[in-house]
Protein backbone atom coordinates (compact mmCIF):
# COMPACT_ATOMS: atom_id res chain seq x y z
CA MET A 1 -20.32 23.83 58.19
CA ARG A 2 -16.62 23.56 57.66
CA ALA A 3 -14.12 23.76 60.52
CA TYR A 4 -10.55 22.71 61.32
CA ARG A 5 -9.96 20.23 64.09
CA ILE A 6 -6.86 18.84 65.82
CA ASP A 7 -7.45 15.10 66.61
CA SER A 8 -3.99 14.44 68.16
CA PRO A 9 -0.72 16.20 69.08
CA GLU A 10 1.08 15.07 65.93
CA GLY A 11 2.13 18.42 64.54
CA ILE A 12 0.71 20.27 61.58
CA GLN A 13 -0.51 17.02 59.88
CA ALA A 14 -2.99 16.60 62.67
CA LEU A 15 -4.71 19.78 61.56
CA LYS A 16 -7.61 18.67 59.34
CA ILE A 17 -10.70 20.27 57.75
CA VAL A 18 -13.93 18.62 58.72
CA ASN A 19 -17.68 19.12 58.15
CA LEU A 20 -19.70 19.53 61.30
CA PRO A 21 -23.34 20.29 62.09
CA GLU A 22 -24.10 24.01 62.42
CA PRO A 23 -24.38 24.90 66.06
CA THR A 24 -27.66 26.23 67.57
CA PRO A 25 -27.59 28.96 70.18
CA GLY A 26 -28.92 27.96 73.55
CA PRO A 27 -30.14 30.24 76.37
CA GLY A 28 -27.93 33.20 76.70
CA GLU A 29 -25.76 32.32 73.73
CA VAL A 30 -24.99 33.97 70.47
CA LEU A 31 -24.27 32.30 67.03
CA ILE A 32 -21.35 34.00 65.26
CA ALA A 33 -20.54 33.67 61.61
CA VAL A 34 -16.76 33.86 61.86
CA LYS A 35 -15.14 36.21 59.35
CA ALA A 36 -11.48 35.97 60.28
CA CYS A 37 -9.13 34.32 62.81
CA SER A 38 -5.53 35.15 63.78
CA LEU A 39 -2.67 32.97 64.92
CA ASN A 40 -0.52 33.15 67.97
CA TYR A 41 2.70 31.35 69.08
CA ARG A 42 0.46 29.25 71.43
CA ASP A 43 -1.15 27.73 68.39
CA SER A 44 2.04 26.29 67.04
CA LEU A 45 2.55 24.55 70.45
CA LEU A 46 -0.99 23.24 70.66
CA ILE A 47 -0.63 21.14 67.54
CA GLN A 48 2.35 19.46 69.18
CA GLY A 49 0.75 18.93 72.57
CA GLY A 50 3.17 21.22 74.38
CA TYR A 51 0.86 23.74 76.07
CA PRO A 52 -0.35 23.39 79.76
CA ARG A 53 -3.99 22.92 80.41
CA ASN A 54 -4.67 22.73 76.76
CA ARG A 55 -4.54 19.03 75.75
CA THR A 56 -8.10 18.52 74.81
CA TYR A 57 -8.52 16.34 71.67
CA PRO A 58 -10.26 16.58 69.31
CA VAL A 59 -10.53 20.29 69.55
CA ILE A 60 -11.22 23.14 67.08
CA PRO A 61 -8.19 25.42 67.36
CA LEU A 62 -7.49 29.15 67.64
CA SER A 63 -8.55 31.48 70.45
CA ASP A 64 -8.69 34.58 68.18
CA GLY A 65 -11.63 35.28 65.88
CA ALA A 66 -14.01 38.02 64.91
CA GLY A 67 -17.33 37.85 63.10
CA GLU A 68 -20.96 38.81 62.91
CA VAL A 69 -23.87 37.75 65.17
CA VAL A 70 -26.38 35.78 63.15
CA GLY A 71 -28.38 34.17 65.83
CA ILE A 72 -29.44 34.67 69.42
CA GLY A 73 -30.59 32.06 71.89
CA PRO A 74 -33.41 32.48 74.35
CA GLY A 75 -33.06 34.95 77.09
CA PHE A 76 -31.77 38.52 77.25
CA THR A 77 -28.45 39.38 75.74
CA ARG A 78 -26.89 42.65 74.94
CA PHE A 79 -26.26 41.69 71.32
CA LYS A 80 -28.48 41.75 68.21
CA VAL A 81 -28.23 40.09 64.80
CA GLY A 82 -25.71 42.00 62.72
CA ASP A 83 -23.43 43.10 65.60
CA ARG A 84 -19.65 42.86 64.81
CA VAL A 85 -18.04 40.95 67.66
CA ALA A 86 -15.00 39.04 68.93
CA ALA A 87 -14.78 36.36 71.61
CA ASN A 88 -12.62 36.66 74.73
CA PHE A 89 -9.56 34.29 74.87
CA MET A 90 -10.93 32.80 78.13
CA ARG A 91 -14.59 32.22 77.88
CA ASP A 92 -15.26 32.37 81.65
CA TRP A 93 -12.90 35.14 82.74
CA LEU A 94 -15.35 38.01 83.03
CA GLY A 95 -13.38 40.29 85.36
CA GLY A 96 -11.46 40.46 88.66
CA PRO A 97 -8.57 38.14 89.45
CA ILE A 98 -7.97 35.11 87.31
CA ASN A 99 -8.88 31.70 88.67
CA GLU A 100 -8.39 28.03 87.72
CA HIS A 101 -11.92 27.79 86.30
CA ALA A 102 -11.20 30.68 83.90
CA LEU A 103 -7.80 29.05 82.82
CA LEU A 104 -9.67 25.92 81.77
CA SER A 105 -11.92 27.84 79.46
CA SER A 106 -9.41 29.06 76.99
CA LEU A 107 -10.66 28.77 73.42
CA GLY A 108 -8.92 26.67 70.99
CA GLY A 109 -7.18 24.50 73.59
CA GLY A 110 -9.13 23.77 76.77
CA ILE A 111 -12.37 24.11 74.71
CA ASN A 112 -13.30 24.48 71.08
CA GLY A 113 -12.05 27.58 69.49
CA MET A 114 -12.76 29.90 66.58
CA LEU A 115 -11.47 28.21 63.40
CA ALA A 116 -14.91 27.38 62.05
CA GLU A 117 -17.53 28.97 59.88
CA ARG A 118 -20.00 29.25 62.80
CA VAL A 119 -19.40 29.17 66.56
CA CYS A 120 -21.80 29.38 69.52
CA LEU A 121 -20.60 31.23 72.67
CA PRO A 122 -22.15 32.61 75.84
CA ALA A 123 -23.00 36.21 75.34
CA HIS A 124 -20.91 37.07 78.49
CA SER A 125 -17.74 35.98 76.68
CA VAL A 126 -18.28 38.21 73.58
CA VAL A 127 -17.42 41.88 73.07
CA HIS A 128 -18.18 44.48 70.40
CA ILE A 129 -15.20 45.28 68.18
CA PRO A 130 -14.00 48.77 67.38
CA GLY A 131 -15.90 50.33 64.56
CA HIS A 132 -12.91 51.42 62.59
CA LEU A 133 -11.47 47.98 62.37
CA SER A 134 -12.00 45.36 59.63
CA PHE A 135 -12.86 41.76 60.70
CA GLU A 136 -9.31 40.75 59.83
CA GLU A 137 -7.89 43.57 62.05
CA ALA A 138 -10.35 42.80 64.91
CA SER A 139 -9.42 39.08 64.81
CA THR A 140 -5.91 39.92 66.10
CA LEU A 141 -7.10 41.44 69.31
CA PRO A 142 -8.20 38.67 71.76
CA CYS A 143 -4.79 37.14 72.62
CA ALA A 144 -1.85 39.30 71.60
CA ALA A 145 -3.41 42.76 71.94
CA LEU A 146 -5.15 41.90 75.27
CA THR A 147 -1.94 40.40 76.69
CA ALA A 148 -0.07 43.63 75.76
CA TRP A 149 -2.92 45.64 77.34
CA ASN A 150 -2.86 43.69 80.55
CA ALA A 151 0.95 44.06 80.91
CA VAL A 152 1.03 47.71 80.13
CA THR A 153 -1.93 48.66 82.35
CA SER A 154 -1.03 46.26 85.18
CA ALA A 155 2.36 48.14 85.46
CA ASN A 156 0.49 51.41 85.71
CA THR A 157 2.37 52.81 82.73
CA LYS A 158 2.11 56.56 82.32
CA ALA A 159 3.37 59.28 80.15
CA GLY A 160 7.16 59.60 80.39
CA ASP A 161 7.80 55.98 81.37
CA THR A 162 10.12 53.84 79.36
CA VAL A 163 8.82 50.51 78.06
CA LEU A 164 11.07 47.80 76.52
CA VAL A 165 9.58 45.41 74.02
CA LEU A 166 11.48 42.30 72.83
CA GLY A 167 11.12 41.41 69.17
CA THR A 168 8.45 42.30 66.66
CA GLY A 169 5.86 39.60 67.22
CA GLY A 170 2.16 40.22 67.83
CA VAL A 171 2.27 41.02 71.49
CA SER A 172 5.48 43.22 71.19
CA ILE A 173 4.03 45.34 68.31
CA PHE A 174 0.68 45.85 70.16
CA ALA A 175 2.66 46.78 73.27
CA LEU A 176 4.56 49.36 71.25
CA GLN A 177 1.38 50.83 69.89
CA LEU A 178 -0.43 50.87 73.31
CA ALA A 179 2.56 52.19 75.32
CA LYS A 180 2.84 55.12 72.80
CA ALA A 181 -0.82 55.81 73.29
CA PHE A 182 -0.09 56.11 76.99
CA GLY A 183 2.68 58.62 76.23
CA ALA A 184 5.55 56.27 77.10
CA ARG A 185 8.95 56.02 75.47
CA VAL A 186 9.42 52.76 73.73
CA ILE A 187 12.70 50.79 73.13
CA ALA A 188 12.35 47.81 70.89
CA THR A 189 14.73 44.94 70.05
CA SER A 190 14.94 43.18 66.66
CA GLY A 191 17.27 40.81 64.87
CA SER A 192 16.28 42.24 61.49
CA ASP A 193 17.12 45.70 60.12
CA ASP A 194 14.00 45.54 57.96
CA LYS A 195 11.78 44.78 60.93
CA ALA A 196 13.54 47.41 62.98
CA ALA A 197 12.65 49.98 60.41
CA LYS A 198 9.00 49.02 60.50
CA ALA A 199 9.00 49.17 64.35
CA LYS A 200 10.55 52.63 64.07
CA ALA A 201 7.77 53.62 61.64
CA LEU A 202 5.20 52.46 64.21
CA GLY A 203 6.62 54.81 66.80
CA ALA A 204 9.54 53.02 68.53
CA ASP A 205 11.90 55.62 69.88
CA SER A 206 15.01 53.51 69.80
CA ILE A 207 15.82 50.13 68.22
CA ILE A 208 18.47 47.60 69.34
CA ASN A 209 19.59 44.90 66.90
CA TYR A 210 20.20 41.98 69.30
CA ARG A 211 22.21 40.01 66.68
CA LYS A 212 24.64 42.97 66.35
CA LYS A 213 24.55 43.68 70.13
CA PRO A 214 23.85 40.41 71.94
CA GLU A 215 24.37 42.04 75.33
CA TRP A 216 21.35 44.31 74.45
CA HIS A 217 20.56 45.02 78.08
CA GLU A 218 23.74 47.17 78.24
CA GLU A 219 22.51 49.35 75.37
CA VAL A 220 19.21 49.68 77.15
CA ARG A 221 21.03 50.99 80.17
CA ASN A 222 22.92 53.37 77.92
CA LEU A 223 19.74 54.64 76.42
CA THR A 224 18.19 55.24 79.76
CA GLY A 225 21.19 57.10 81.41
CA GLY A 226 22.14 53.99 83.32
CA VAL A 227 18.81 53.83 85.07
CA GLY A 228 16.96 50.96 83.28
CA VAL A 229 13.30 50.82 81.95
CA ASP A 230 10.12 50.95 83.90
CA LEU A 231 8.58 47.94 82.20
CA VAL A 232 9.91 45.05 80.08
CA LEU A 233 7.49 42.86 78.09
CA GLU A 234 9.49 39.59 78.42
CA VAL A 235 8.32 37.34 75.56
CA GLY A 236 11.47 35.32 75.39
CA GLY A 237 11.47 33.36 78.56
CA PRO A 238 14.43 31.79 80.37
CA GLY A 239 16.83 32.51 77.53
CA THR A 240 16.38 36.34 77.70
CA PHE A 241 15.01 36.73 81.24
CA GLU A 242 18.35 37.54 82.94
CA ARG A 243 19.02 40.33 80.40
CA SER A 244 15.61 41.66 80.98
CA ILE A 245 16.34 41.81 84.69
CA LYS A 246 19.49 43.77 83.97
CA ALA A 247 17.68 46.11 81.66
CA THR A 248 14.96 47.10 84.26
CA ARG A 249 15.30 49.89 86.75
CA VAL A 250 15.20 49.51 90.55
CA GLY A 251 11.62 48.82 91.49
CA GLY A 252 10.64 48.27 87.81
CA THR A 253 8.38 45.57 86.42
CA ILE A 254 9.04 42.57 84.17
CA ALA A 255 5.88 41.27 82.59
CA LEU A 256 6.65 37.67 81.97
CA ILE A 257 4.66 36.57 78.91
CA GLY A 258 6.38 34.14 76.55
CA LEU A 259 8.65 31.12 76.17
CA LEU A 260 10.27 31.70 72.78
CA ASP A 261 13.79 31.15 74.13
CA MET A 262 14.15 28.34 76.71
CA GLY A 263 17.96 28.98 77.14
CA THR A 264 20.34 26.43 78.36
CA GLU A 265 20.86 27.42 82.00
CA PRO A 266 18.52 28.89 84.73
CA PRO A 267 18.74 32.64 85.01
CA ASN A 268 20.23 34.35 87.96
CA ILE A 269 17.24 35.91 89.74
CA ILE A 270 19.16 37.35 92.79
CA PRO A 271 19.09 40.88 91.24
CA LEU A 272 15.25 40.73 91.40
CA LEU A 273 15.55 40.75 95.20
CA LEU A 274 18.41 43.21 95.44
CA ASN A 275 16.68 45.73 93.13
CA ALA A 276 13.12 45.24 94.42
CA GLN A 277 11.82 44.40 90.99
CA LYS A 278 8.47 42.95 90.29
CA VAL A 279 7.73 39.99 88.04
CA HIS A 280 4.14 39.71 86.86
CA GLY A 281 3.05 36.56 85.03
CA ILE A 282 0.67 37.82 82.23
CA TYR A 283 -1.85 35.40 80.81
CA VAL A 284 -4.11 37.36 78.37
CA GLY A 285 -6.98 39.12 80.06
CA SER A 286 -10.61 39.25 81.12
CA VAL A 287 -13.70 40.41 79.25
CA ALA A 288 -13.70 43.58 81.26
CA MET A 289 -10.08 44.25 80.21
CA PHE A 290 -11.06 43.55 76.54
CA GLU A 291 -13.78 46.14 76.62
CA ASP A 292 -11.44 48.73 78.26
CA MET A 293 -8.83 48.04 75.66
CA ASN A 294 -11.27 48.41 72.82
CA ARG A 295 -12.30 51.84 74.09
CA ALA A 296 -8.68 52.87 74.13
CA ILE A 297 -8.17 51.41 70.61
CA THR A 298 -11.12 53.38 69.37
CA VAL A 299 -10.10 56.68 70.93
CA ASN A 300 -6.51 56.40 69.64
CA GLN A 301 -7.57 54.96 66.30
CA ILE A 302 -4.98 52.23 66.64
CA ARG A 303 -4.80 49.74 63.78
CA PRO A 304 -3.32 46.24 64.25
CA VAL A 305 -0.37 45.35 62.10
CA ILE A 306 -1.16 42.41 59.85
CA ASP A 307 1.76 40.60 58.21
CA ARG A 308 -0.28 38.42 55.85
CA VAL A 309 -3.85 37.04 55.32
CA PHE A 310 -4.36 33.53 54.19
CA PRO A 311 -7.62 31.99 52.81
CA PHE A 312 -9.39 29.36 54.97
CA GLU A 313 -8.22 26.52 52.69
CA GLU A 314 -4.55 27.54 53.31
CA THR A 315 -4.62 27.29 57.07
CA ARG A 316 -1.75 24.86 57.20
CA GLN A 317 0.39 27.33 55.17
CA ALA A 318 -0.55 30.08 57.67
CA TYR A 319 0.79 27.85 60.49
CA GLU A 320 3.95 27.25 58.58
CA HIS A 321 4.41 31.01 58.09
CA LEU A 322 3.94 31.44 61.88
CA MET A 323 6.51 28.82 62.72
CA SER A 324 9.02 30.35 60.21
CA GLN A 325 9.11 33.44 62.51
CA LYS A 326 9.60 35.67 59.45
CA HIS A 327 6.45 37.69 60.16
CA LEU A 328 6.03 41.13 61.65
CA GLY A 329 2.74 41.60 63.56
CA LYS A 330 -0.11 39.13 62.98
CA ILE A 331 -0.99 36.38 60.69
CA VAL A 332 -4.66 36.18 59.78
CA ILE A 333 -6.93 33.51 58.22
CA ARG A 334 -9.96 34.80 56.24
CA VAL A 335 -12.84 32.39 57.12
CA GLY A 336 -15.91 34.11 55.57
CA GLU A 337 -16.70 37.09 53.46
CA GLY A 338 -17.38 40.42 55.14
């Protein structure tokens, strides 16, 4: 079978297509014919060796993939041949609090991932995908969608709350869609008027162009009557963190997710203390969270936003598109027909 493999942290040139023996499912495992995979910012870091706990080489990349069960190993599983499934980002985080063992089981980094024509996984790490989604759409769920779900639900978001999402990448767009499903008001930032219009069409109540208004936290305050938002999905990192603090209400929550902007100086965190704000580090989610999210996606008929689909043979071009940061939503690689 064909697969992509990263043999060393040498950038995109280290991403090579290889022929490997087709895996055979062992006890309690399922064999999945992968139909589609999607990319995350993490994947651009992995090919350069810049991601904690994920420096295993050689490794088959990508945490996100969806496909069809084509084989079942000995022993009881809750799946049957023909089931449409996706794998959890962390193979061994089934539920409850996260732990070090789970962190080391992240697909496409700590262990082999989904960018192959066939993969074998423990049945406990696999979930059924929503029936109204295509394989391409479902492949976007394991990292970006589940991260957004974890952030929104951990903050106990409810109808009438105000949620701030930064940018229009995968996590932010999913957070917009999920927060709206909870009945929340959503403020989004973007550096592009075109992307801002698309975010508006997806349900964003207000858009702030951070290029035109670099002190965007002040506009957030204006839009909330000087109070601030209940929740920020902070995907920027140190470079935007201080503004996120200023945009958050007293007692509000900052879900710390990404590291897109490392900044030049450490942010001032004293206001966190003075305003009794909470910072919650979000690192994807468990199998139990994934199943809960899929039920919500089904009930609300949410459809992931896909920027572009690349064929398997153009995987390097998909990575280049990701690193260009010109996309809105998710970038998908079609692996097999279906």
